[in-house]
Amino acid sequence: MKRKEFENLYDTYAVTVARFLSGYTKRKDQLEDWVQIVFLKIWKYRDSVDTDSDYLKTYLLKVARNVALSELSKKKRNFLYYWQDLDERVVVNPDGELYGHKRESLKPDLFMEKYNNALDNIPPRSQQIYQLSREDGLSYKEIAQTLKISPKTVEVHISKALRILRKELQEYK
């Protein structure tokens, strides 16, 4: 793909990719960054991208989905690493003096352990559908097509999984 073809591709699909990615984030700055990442990936692999393909838009949106999931995953990992590195938090006593206080309520490892245990309490089919939705980022319709069930059945399984998770993790509300 030549530079001019790439510019045409960007001009044609940037708004479509941005609209698609807006389903993953509402922050404008993050959305703009993700669109740039998508097109940087396209440019990086420009020799293998068929701009005449009937599936070009589908390909772009698949790349966009993968970028969004990857970026959200990084954000989640960074948050957990930050949280684990917080050995102390600063507390101000009534006299205005600062002193370190070991964290007591900030225990992400314990939460993740309870979350994983709660996942184990979800029936296998509901667990599979929940993970396809929440971890793989598939829509109810995509899950229904993949598993050859109705979207309503997907909704029922997701509801069941969420009900169990809410009950098991209610102390973290």
N, C-alpha and C. Protein backbone atom coordinates (compact mmCIF):
# COMPACT_ATOMS: atom_id res chain seq x y z
N MET A 1 0.86 -1.17 0.00
CA MET A 1 0.00 0.00 0.00
C MET A 1 0.91 1.23 0.00
N LYS A 2 0.63 2.11 -0.88
CA LYS A 2 1.37 3.36 -0.99
C LYS A 2 0.80 4.39 -0.01
N ARG A 3 1.55 5.45 0.20
CA ARG A 3 1.13 6.48 1.14
C ARG A 3 -0.22 7.09 0.76
N LYS A 4 -0.42 7.35 -0.51
CA LYS A 4 -1.68 7.97 -0.97
C LYS A 4 -2.87 7.04 -0.71
N GLU A 5 -2.68 5.74 -0.93
CA GLU A 5 -3.74 4.77 -0.65
C GLU A 5 -4.06 4.75 0.85
N PHE A 6 -3.00 4.82 1.65
CA PHE A 6 -3.20 4.83 3.10
C PHE A 6 -3.98 6.08 3.53
N GLU A 7 -3.62 7.23 2.98
CA GLU A 7 -4.33 8.47 3.31
C GLU A 7 -5.80 8.37 2.92
N ASN A 8 -6.08 7.78 1.77
CA ASN A 8 -7.47 7.59 1.34
C ASN A 8 -8.21 6.64 2.29
N LEU A 9 -7.51 5.59 2.69
CA LEU A 9 -8.10 4.63 3.63
C LEU A 9 -8.44 5.33 4.95
N TYR A 10 -7.50 6.13 5.43
CA TYR A 10 -7.73 6.87 6.68
C TYR A 10 -8.91 7.82 6.54
N ASP A 11 -8.92 8.60 5.46
CA ASP A 11 -10.01 9.56 5.23
C ASP A 11 -11.37 8.86 5.14
N THR A 12 -11.38 7.69 4.54
CA THR A 12 -12.63 6.95 4.34
C THR A 12 -13.13 6.31 5.64
N TYR A 13 -12.22 5.75 6.44
CA TYR A 13 -12.65 4.91 7.56
C TYR A 13 -12.37 5.45 8.96
N ALA A 14 -11.69 6.54 9.11
CA ALA A 14 -11.34 7.04 10.45
C ALA A 14 -12.58 7.31 11.30
N VAL A 15 -13.59 7.92 10.71
CA VAL A 15 -14.81 8.23 11.47
C VAL A 15 -15.54 6.94 11.85
N THR A 16 -15.59 5.99 10.93
CA THR A 16 -16.25 4.70 11.20
C THR A 16 -15.54 3.99 12.35
N VAL A 17 -14.22 3.96 12.32
CA VAL A 17 -13.45 3.32 13.39
C VAL A 17 -13.67 4.06 14.71
N ALA A 18 -13.70 5.38 14.66
CA ALA A 18 -13.93 6.17 15.88
C ALA A 18 -15.31 5.88 16.47
N ARG A 19 -16.32 5.82 15.62
CA ARG A 19 -17.68 5.50 16.11
C ARG A 19 -17.70 4.12 16.76
N PHE A 20 -17.05 3.17 16.11
CA PHE A 20 -16.99 1.82 16.65
C PHE A 20 -16.30 1.81 18.01
N LEU A 21 -15.16 2.47 18.11
CA LEU A 21 -14.40 2.50 19.36
C LEU A 21 -15.11 3.27 20.47
N SER A 22 -16.02 4.17 20.10
CA SER A 22 -16.75 4.92 21.12
C SER A 22 -17.62 4.00 21.97
N GLY A 23 -17.85 2.79 21.50
CA GLY A 23 -18.56 1.80 22.31
C GLY A 23 -17.70 1.27 23.45
N TYR A 24 -16.39 1.49 23.37
CA TYR A 24 -15.47 1.02 24.40
C TYR A 24 -15.01 2.13 25.34
N THR A 25 -15.07 3.36 24.89
CA THR A 25 -14.66 4.48 25.73
C THR A 25 -15.45 5.73 25.36
N LYS A 26 -15.66 6.57 26.32
CA LYS A 26 -16.35 7.84 26.06
C LYS A 26 -15.37 9.01 26.16
N ARG A 27 -14.13 8.71 26.54
CA ARG A 27 -13.11 9.77 26.66
C ARG A 27 -12.58 10.11 25.28
N LYS A 28 -12.70 11.37 24.89
CA LYS A 28 -12.30 11.81 23.56
C LYS A 28 -10.80 11.61 23.31
N ASP A 29 -9.98 11.95 24.30
CA ASP A 29 -8.53 11.81 24.12
C ASP A 29 -8.13 10.35 23.93
N GLN A 30 -8.75 9.48 24.70
CA GLN A 30 -8.47 8.05 24.58
C GLN A 30 -8.95 7.52 23.23
N LEU A 31 -10.10 7.97 22.81
CA LEU A 31 -10.66 7.56 21.52
C LEU A 31 -9.73 7.97 20.37
N GLU A 32 -9.25 9.19 20.40
CA GLU A 32 -8.34 9.67 19.37
C GLU A 32 -7.04 8.85 19.35
N ASP A 33 -6.53 8.54 20.54
CA ASP A 33 -5.31 7.72 20.62
C ASP A 33 -5.54 6.34 20.02
N TRP A 34 -6.68 5.75 20.33
CA TRP A 34 -6.97 4.40 19.83
C TRP A 34 -7.12 4.39 18.31
N VAL A 35 -7.75 5.41 17.76
CA VAL A 35 -7.89 5.49 16.30
C VAL A 35 -6.49 5.56 15.68
N GLN A 36 -5.61 6.34 16.28
CA GLN A 36 -4.25 6.45 15.77
C GLN A 36 -3.52 5.11 15.85
N ILE A 37 -3.70 4.40 16.95
CA ILE A 37 -3.06 3.09 17.11
C ILE A 37 -3.55 2.13 16.03
N VAL A 38 -4.86 2.14 15.77
CA VAL A 38 -5.42 1.26 14.73
C VAL A 38 -4.74 1.53 13.40
N PHE A 39 -4.67 2.80 13.02
CA PHE A 39 -4.10 3.11 11.72
C PHE A 39 -2.57 2.96 11.69
N LEU A 40 -1.92 3.09 12.83
CA LEU A 40 -0.49 2.78 12.89
C LEU A 40 -0.25 1.30 12.63
N LYS A 41 -1.12 0.46 13.19
CA LYS A 41 -1.01 -0.97 12.95
C LYS A 41 -1.25 -1.29 11.48
N ILE A 42 -2.23 -0.63 10.88
CA ILE A 42 -2.51 -0.84 9.45
C ILE A 42 -1.29 -0.42 8.64
N TRP A 43 -0.69 0.72 8.98
CA TRP A 43 0.48 1.18 8.25
C TRP A 43 1.65 0.21 8.44
N LYS A 44 1.82 -0.27 9.64
CA LYS A 44 2.92 -1.18 9.94
C LYS A 44 2.82 -2.45 9.08
N TYR A 45 1.61 -2.94 8.90
CA TYR A 45 1.40 -4.17 8.13
C TYR A 45 0.78 -3.87 6.76
N ARG A 46 1.09 -2.71 6.22
CA ARG A 46 0.48 -2.25 4.97
C ARG A 46 0.69 -3.19 3.80
N ASP A 47 1.79 -3.93 3.81
CA ASP A 47 2.06 -4.83 2.69
C ASP A 47 1.10 -6.02 2.66
N SER A 48 0.53 -6.36 3.81
CA SER A 48 -0.37 -7.51 3.85
C SER A 48 -1.86 -7.10 3.85
N VAL A 49 -2.14 -5.80 3.82
CA VAL A 49 -3.53 -5.33 3.82
C VAL A 49 -4.01 -5.19 2.38
N ASP A 50 -5.12 -5.86 2.09
CA ASP A 50 -5.71 -5.80 0.75
C ASP A 50 -6.78 -4.70 0.75
N THR A 51 -6.45 -3.56 0.18
CA THR A 51 -7.37 -2.42 0.19
C THR A 51 -8.55 -2.62 -0.77
N ASP A 52 -8.46 -3.61 -1.65
CA ASP A 52 -9.55 -3.88 -2.59
C ASP A 52 -10.51 -4.95 -2.08
N SER A 53 -10.25 -5.47 -0.90
CA SER A 53 -11.07 -6.55 -0.35
C SER A 53 -12.46 -6.04 0.03
N ASP A 54 -13.44 -6.93 -0.13
CA ASP A 54 -14.80 -6.62 0.31
C ASP A 54 -14.90 -6.58 1.83
N TYR A 55 -13.91 -7.16 2.49
CA TYR A 55 -13.93 -7.27 3.94
C TYR A 55 -13.00 -6.27 4.63
N LEU A 56 -12.60 -5.24 3.93
CA LEU A 56 -11.67 -4.26 4.48
C LEU A 56 -12.25 -3.58 5.73
N LYS A 57 -13.51 -3.16 5.65
CA LYS A 57 -14.14 -2.50 6.80
C LYS A 57 -14.20 -3.46 7.99
N THR A 58 -14.57 -4.70 7.74
CA THR A 58 -14.64 -5.70 8.80
C THR A 58 -13.26 -5.91 9.42
N TYR A 59 -12.26 -5.96 8.59
CA TYR A 59 -10.88 -6.12 9.06
C TYR A 59 -10.48 -4.95 9.95
N LEU A 60 -10.77 -3.74 9.50
CA LEU A 60 -10.44 -2.54 10.28
C LEU A 60 -11.13 -2.55 11.64
N LEU A 61 -12.40 -2.94 11.65
CA LEU A 61 -13.14 -2.95 12.91
C LEU A 61 -12.63 -4.06 13.83
N LYS A 62 -12.17 -5.15 13.27
CA LYS A 62 -11.59 -6.22 14.08
C LYS A 62 -10.28 -5.73 14.71
N VAL A 63 -9.47 -5.04 13.94
CA VAL A 63 -8.24 -4.46 14.48
C VAL A 63 -8.59 -3.46 15.57
N ALA A 64 -9.60 -2.63 15.34
CA ALA A 64 -10.03 -1.63 16.32
C ALA A 64 -10.49 -2.31 17.61
N ARG A 65 -11.25 -3.38 17.48
CA ARG A 65 -11.73 -4.12 18.66
C ARG A 65 -10.54 -4.66 19.44
N ASN A 66 -9.58 -5.24 18.74
CA ASN A 66 -8.40 -5.79 19.42
C ASN A 66 -7.59 -4.70 20.10
N VAL A 67 -7.48 -3.54 19.48
CA VAL A 67 -6.77 -2.41 20.09
C VAL A 67 -7.50 -1.98 21.37
N ALA A 68 -8.80 -1.84 21.29
CA ALA A 68 -9.58 -1.42 22.47
C ALA A 68 -9.41 -2.41 23.61
N LEU A 69 -9.56 -3.69 23.32
CA LEU A 69 -9.43 -4.70 24.38
C LEU A 69 -8.03 -4.73 24.95
N SER A 70 -7.05 -4.58 24.09
CA SER A 70 -5.66 -4.56 24.55
C SER A 70 -5.39 -3.35 25.44
N GLU A 71 -5.86 -2.19 25.01
CA GLU A 71 -5.64 -0.96 25.79
C GLU A 71 -6.39 -1.01 27.13
N LEU A 72 -7.60 -1.54 27.12
CA LEU A 72 -8.35 -1.66 28.37
C LEU A 72 -7.68 -2.65 29.31
N SER A 73 -7.14 -3.70 28.75
CA SER A 73 -6.43 -4.70 29.55
C SER A 73 -5.18 -4.08 30.17
N LYS A 74 -4.44 -3.29 29.40
CA LYS A 74 -3.26 -2.61 29.93
C LYS A 74 -3.65 -1.68 31.07
N LYS A 75 -4.74 -0.95 30.86
CA LYS A 75 -5.20 0.01 31.88
C LYS A 75 -5.53 -0.74 33.17
N LYS A 76 -6.21 -1.88 33.03
CA LYS A 76 -6.59 -2.67 34.21
C LYS A 76 -5.34 -3.20 34.91
N ARG A 77 -4.37 -3.73 34.13
CA ARG A 77 -3.13 -4.24 34.71
C ARG A 77 -2.37 -3.13 35.42
N ASN A 78 -2.25 -1.98 34.78
CA ASN A 78 -1.53 -0.86 35.38
C ASN A 78 -2.17 -0.44 36.69
N PHE A 79 -3.50 -0.42 36.71
CA PHE A 79 -4.20 -0.05 37.94
C PHE A 79 -3.90 -1.05 39.04
N LEU A 80 -3.95 -2.35 38.72
CA LEU A 80 -3.67 -3.37 39.73
C LEU A 80 -2.23 -3.30 40.22
N TYR A 81 -1.27 -3.05 39.30
CA TYR A 81 0.12 -2.93 39.73
C TYR A 81 0.28 -1.72 40.64
N TYR A 82 -0.35 -0.62 40.27
CA TYR A 82 -0.28 0.58 41.10
C TYR A 82 -0.86 0.29 42.48
N TRP A 83 -1.99 -0.38 42.49
CA TRP A 83 -2.67 -0.69 43.73
C TRP A 83 -1.80 -1.58 44.61
N GLN A 84 -1.14 -2.56 44.03
CA GLN A 84 -0.30 -3.47 44.79
C GLN A 84 0.95 -2.76 45.31
N ASP A 85 1.42 -1.76 44.59
CA ASP A 85 2.61 -1.04 45.01
C ASP A 85 2.32 -0.02 46.11
N LEU A 86 1.07 0.21 46.40
CA LEU A 86 0.71 1.16 47.44
C LEU A 86 0.92 0.51 48.81
N ASP A 87 2.15 0.54 49.30
CA ASP A 87 2.41 -0.09 50.58
C ASP A 87 1.88 0.76 51.73
N GLU A 88 1.88 2.03 51.52
CA GLU A 88 1.41 2.93 52.56
C GLU A 88 0.54 4.00 51.95
N ARG A 89 -0.35 4.51 52.73
CA ARG A 89 -1.09 5.69 52.29
C ARG A 89 -0.86 6.78 53.32
N VAL A 90 -0.93 8.00 52.90
CA VAL A 90 -0.65 9.13 53.79
C VAL A 90 -1.93 9.51 54.52
N VAL A 91 -1.80 9.71 55.82
CA VAL A 91 -2.94 10.09 56.64
C VAL A 91 -2.57 11.35 57.41
N VAL A 92 -3.48 12.27 57.53
CA VAL A 92 -3.25 13.49 58.29
C VAL A 92 -3.99 13.35 59.62
N ASN A 93 -3.25 13.49 60.72
CA ASN A 93 -3.91 13.40 62.02
C ASN A 93 -4.56 14.74 62.35
N PRO A 94 -5.33 14.83 63.42
CA PRO A 94 -6.04 16.09 63.74
C PRO A 94 -5.13 17.30 63.91
N ASP A 95 -3.85 17.08 64.26
CA ASP A 95 -2.91 18.20 64.43
C ASP A 95 -2.33 18.66 63.10
N GLY A 96 -2.67 17.99 62.02
CA GLY A 96 -2.16 18.36 60.71
C GLY A 96 -0.83 17.70 60.37
N GLU A 97 -0.37 16.77 61.21
CA GLU A 97 0.88 16.10 60.92
C GLU A 97 0.62 14.90 59.99
N LEU A 98 1.58 14.68 59.10
CA LEU A 98 1.47 13.55 58.19
C LEU A 98 2.18 12.34 58.77
N TYR A 99 1.59 11.19 58.59
CA TYR A 99 2.28 9.96 58.96
C TYR A 99 1.81 8.84 58.05
N GLY A 100 2.67 7.87 57.90
CA GLY A 100 2.34 6.72 57.05
C GLY A 100 1.42 5.78 57.79
N HIS A 101 0.55 5.15 57.04
CA HIS A 101 -0.40 4.21 57.63
C HIS A 101 -0.48 3.02 56.68
N LYS A 102 -0.19 1.85 57.20
CA LYS A 102 -0.28 0.66 56.34
C LYS A 102 -1.70 0.52 55.84
N ARG A 103 -1.82 0.19 54.59
CA ARG A 103 -3.15 0.03 54.01
C ARG A 103 -3.83 -1.18 54.63
N GLU A 104 -5.10 -1.05 54.84
CA GLU A 104 -5.86 -2.15 55.41
C GLU A 104 -6.96 -2.57 54.47
N SER A 105 -7.64 -1.61 53.89
CA SER A 105 -8.80 -1.96 53.06
C SER A 105 -8.42 -2.19 51.60
N LEU A 106 -7.20 -1.78 51.19
CA LEU A 106 -6.81 -1.92 49.79
C LEU A 106 -6.10 -3.26 49.58
N LYS A 107 -6.84 -4.28 49.22
CA LYS A 107 -6.26 -5.61 49.04
C LYS A 107 -6.75 -6.22 47.74
N PRO A 108 -6.14 -5.83 46.62
CA PRO A 108 -6.60 -6.34 45.34
C PRO A 108 -6.40 -7.83 45.17
N ASP A 109 -5.34 -8.39 45.79
CA ASP A 109 -5.12 -9.83 45.67
C ASP A 109 -6.28 -10.60 46.28
N LEU A 110 -6.74 -10.14 47.43
CA LEU A 110 -7.87 -10.78 48.09
C LEU A 110 -9.13 -10.65 47.25
N PHE A 111 -9.34 -9.47 46.69
CA PHE A 111 -10.51 -9.27 45.84
C PHE A 111 -10.46 -10.21 44.63
N MET A 112 -9.30 -10.27 43.95
CA MET A 112 -9.18 -11.13 42.77
C MET A 112 -9.38 -12.59 43.13
N GLU A 113 -8.91 -12.99 44.29
CA GLU A 113 -9.12 -14.37 44.74
C GLU A 113 -10.62 -14.63 44.94
N LYS A 114 -11.31 -13.69 45.58
CA LYS A 114 -12.75 -13.86 45.80
C LYS A 114 -13.52 -13.80 44.48
N TYR A 115 -13.07 -12.95 43.57
CA TYR A 115 -13.70 -12.85 42.25
C TYR A 115 -13.56 -14.19 41.51
N ASN A 116 -12.35 -14.75 41.52
CA ASN A 116 -12.13 -16.03 40.85
C ASN A 116 -12.94 -17.15 41.50
N ASN A 117 -13.05 -17.12 42.83
CA ASN A 117 -13.88 -18.11 43.52
C ASN A 117 -15.36 -17.94 43.15
N ALA A 118 -15.78 -16.68 43.05
CA ALA A 118 -17.17 -16.41 42.65
C ALA A 118 -17.42 -16.90 41.23
N LEU A 119 -16.44 -16.72 40.35
CA LEU A 119 -16.58 -17.24 38.97
C LEU A 119 -16.76 -18.75 38.98
N ASP A 120 -16.07 -19.42 39.89
CA ASP A 120 -16.18 -20.88 39.98
C ASP A 120 -17.58 -21.32 40.42
N ASN A 121 -18.31 -20.43 41.09
CA ASN A 121 -19.67 -20.76 41.55
C ASN A 121 -20.72 -20.58 40.47
N ILE A 122 -20.33 -20.02 39.34
CA ILE A 122 -21.26 -19.82 38.23
C ILE A 122 -21.33 -21.12 37.44
N PRO A 123 -22.54 -21.56 37.06
CA PRO A 123 -22.66 -22.78 36.26
C PRO A 123 -21.81 -22.68 34.99
N PRO A 124 -21.26 -23.81 34.52
CA PRO A 124 -20.30 -23.79 33.40
C PRO A 124 -20.78 -23.06 32.14
N ARG A 125 -22.01 -23.28 31.72
CA ARG A 125 -22.49 -22.63 30.50
C ARG A 125 -22.59 -21.12 30.70
N SER A 126 -23.12 -20.70 31.85
CA SER A 126 -23.23 -19.27 32.15
C SER A 126 -21.84 -18.66 32.26
N GLN A 127 -20.90 -19.39 32.86
CA GLN A 127 -19.53 -18.92 32.99
C GLN A 127 -18.89 -18.72 31.62
N GLN A 128 -19.10 -19.68 30.73
CA GLN A 128 -18.55 -19.59 29.37
C GLN A 128 -19.09 -18.34 28.66
N ILE A 129 -20.39 -18.13 28.75
CA ILE A 129 -21.02 -16.99 28.08
C ILE A 129 -20.58 -15.68 28.72
N TYR A 130 -20.48 -15.65 30.04
CA TYR A 130 -20.01 -14.45 30.74
C TYR A 130 -18.60 -14.09 30.28
N GLN A 131 -17.72 -15.08 30.19
CA GLN A 131 -16.34 -14.81 29.79
C GLN A 131 -16.25 -14.37 28.33
N LEU A 132 -17.09 -14.93 27.47
CA LEU A 132 -17.11 -14.47 26.08
C LEU A 132 -17.53 -13.00 26.01
N SER A 133 -18.46 -12.63 26.88
CA SER A 133 -18.95 -11.26 26.88
C SER A 133 -17.96 -10.30 27.52
N ARG A 134 -17.54 -10.60 28.73
CA ARG A 134 -16.75 -9.65 29.51
C ARG A 134 -15.26 -9.71 29.22
N GLU A 135 -14.73 -10.89 28.97
CA GLU A 135 -13.28 -10.99 28.76
C GLU A 135 -12.91 -10.93 27.29
N ASP A 136 -13.72 -11.52 26.43
CA ASP A 136 -13.41 -11.51 25.00
C ASP A 136 -14.08 -10.34 24.28
N GLY A 137 -15.01 -9.66 24.96
CA GLY A 137 -15.62 -8.46 24.40
C GLY A 137 -16.63 -8.72 23.30
N LEU A 138 -17.18 -9.93 23.23
CA LEU A 138 -18.16 -10.22 22.20
C LEU A 138 -19.52 -9.66 22.59
N SER A 139 -20.30 -9.26 21.61
CA SER A 139 -21.65 -8.78 21.86
C SER A 139 -22.56 -9.99 22.08
N TYR A 140 -23.75 -9.74 22.60
CA TYR A 140 -24.71 -10.83 22.82
C TYR A 140 -25.01 -11.53 21.49
N LYS A 141 -25.15 -10.74 20.44
CA LYS A 141 -25.45 -11.29 19.12
C LYS A 141 -24.31 -12.18 18.63
N GLU A 142 -23.07 -11.73 18.81
CA GLU A 142 -21.91 -12.53 18.39
C GLU A 142 -21.82 -13.83 19.18
N ILE A 143 -22.10 -13.76 20.47
CA ILE A 143 -22.07 -14.96 21.31
C ILE A 143 -23.16 -15.92 20.84
N ALA A 144 -24.34 -15.39 20.59
CA ALA A 144 -25.45 -16.22 20.13
C ALA A 144 -25.10 -16.93 18.83
N GLN A 145 -24.50 -16.22 17.91
CA GLN A 145 -24.10 -16.83 16.63
C GLN A 145 -23.02 -17.89 16.84
N THR A 146 -22.05 -17.59 17.68
CA THR A 146 -20.94 -18.52 17.94
C THR A 146 -21.43 -19.81 18.57
N LEU A 147 -22.31 -19.68 19.56
CA LEU A 147 -22.78 -20.86 20.30
C LEU A 147 -24.09 -21.44 19.74
N LYS A 148 -24.61 -20.81 18.70
CA LYS A 148 -25.85 -21.26 18.05
C LYS A 148 -27.01 -21.33 19.05
N ILE A 149 -27.17 -20.22 19.79
CA ILE A 149 -28.29 -20.04 20.71
C ILE A 149 -28.90 -18.68 20.45
N SER A 150 -30.02 -18.40 21.07
CA SER A 150 -30.67 -17.11 20.84
C SER A 150 -30.02 -16.03 21.70
N PRO A 151 -30.10 -14.77 21.24
CA PRO A 151 -29.57 -13.67 22.06
C PRO A 151 -30.25 -13.58 23.43
N LYS A 152 -31.52 -13.95 23.49
CA LYS A 152 -32.24 -13.93 24.76
C LYS A 152 -31.63 -14.94 25.74
N THR A 153 -31.22 -16.10 25.24
CA THR A 153 -30.57 -17.10 26.08
C THR A 153 -29.24 -16.56 26.61
N VAL A 154 -28.52 -15.87 25.76
CA VAL A 154 -27.26 -15.24 26.18
C VAL A 154 -27.56 -14.26 27.32
N GLU A 155 -28.59 -13.45 27.14
CA GLU A 155 -28.97 -12.47 28.16
C GLU A 155 -29.30 -13.15 29.48
N VAL A 156 -30.02 -14.26 29.44
CA VAL A 156 -30.39 -14.99 30.65
C VAL A 156 -29.14 -15.50 31.37
N HIS A 157 -28.20 -16.06 30.61
CA HIS A 157 -26.97 -16.58 31.22
C HIS A 157 -26.12 -15.46 31.81
N ILE A 158 -26.03 -14.34 31.14
CA ILE A 158 -25.26 -13.19 31.66
C ILE A 158 -25.92 -12.70 32.95
N SER A 159 -27.24 -12.60 32.95
CA SER A 159 -27.95 -12.15 34.15
C SER A 159 -27.69 -13.09 35.32
N LYS A 160 -27.72 -14.37 35.04
CA LYS A 160 -27.46 -15.36 36.09
C LYS A 160 -26.05 -15.19 36.65
N ALA A 161 -25.08 -15.03 35.77
CA ALA A 161 -23.69 -14.87 36.19
C ALA A 161 -23.52 -13.59 37.03
N LEU A 162 -24.11 -12.50 36.56
CA LEU A 162 -23.99 -11.24 37.30
C LEU A 162 -24.67 -11.31 38.66
N ARG A 163 -25.81 -11.99 38.72
CA ARG A 163 -26.51 -12.14 40.00
C ARG A 163 -25.62 -12.88 41.00
N ILE A 164 -24.97 -13.95 40.56
CA ILE A 164 -24.08 -14.71 41.44
C ILE A 164 -22.88 -13.87 41.86
N LEU A 165 -22.28 -13.15 40.91
CA LEU A 165 -21.13 -12.30 41.24
C LEU A 165 -21.50 -11.20 42.23
N ARG A 166 -22.65 -10.57 42.02
CA ARG A 166 -23.09 -9.52 42.95
C ARG A 166 -23.26 -10.07 44.35
N LYS A 167 -23.87 -11.26 44.45
CA LYS A 167 -24.10 -11.87 45.76
C LYS A 167 -22.78 -12.23 46.43
N GLU A 168 -21.88 -12.84 45.68
CA GLU A 168 -20.60 -13.29 46.24
C GLU A 168 -19.67 -12.13 46.61
N LEU A 169 -19.80 -11.01 45.88
CA LEU A 169 -18.88 -9.91 46.07
C LEU A 169 -19.54 -8.67 46.70
N GLN A 170 -20.65 -8.87 47.37
CA GLN A 170 -21.40 -7.74 47.91
C GLN A 170 -20.62 -6.92 48.93
N GLU A 171 -19.65 -7.52 49.58
CA GLU A 171 -18.85 -6.77 50.57
C GLU A 171 -17.95 -5.72 49.92
N TYR A 172 -17.79 -5.79 48.59
CA TYR A 172 -16.94 -4.84 47.88
C TYR A 172 -17.73 -3.72 47.22
N LYS A 173 -19.00 -3.61 47.53
CA LYS A 173 -19.83 -2.53 46.93
C LYS A 173 -19.36 -1.19 47.41
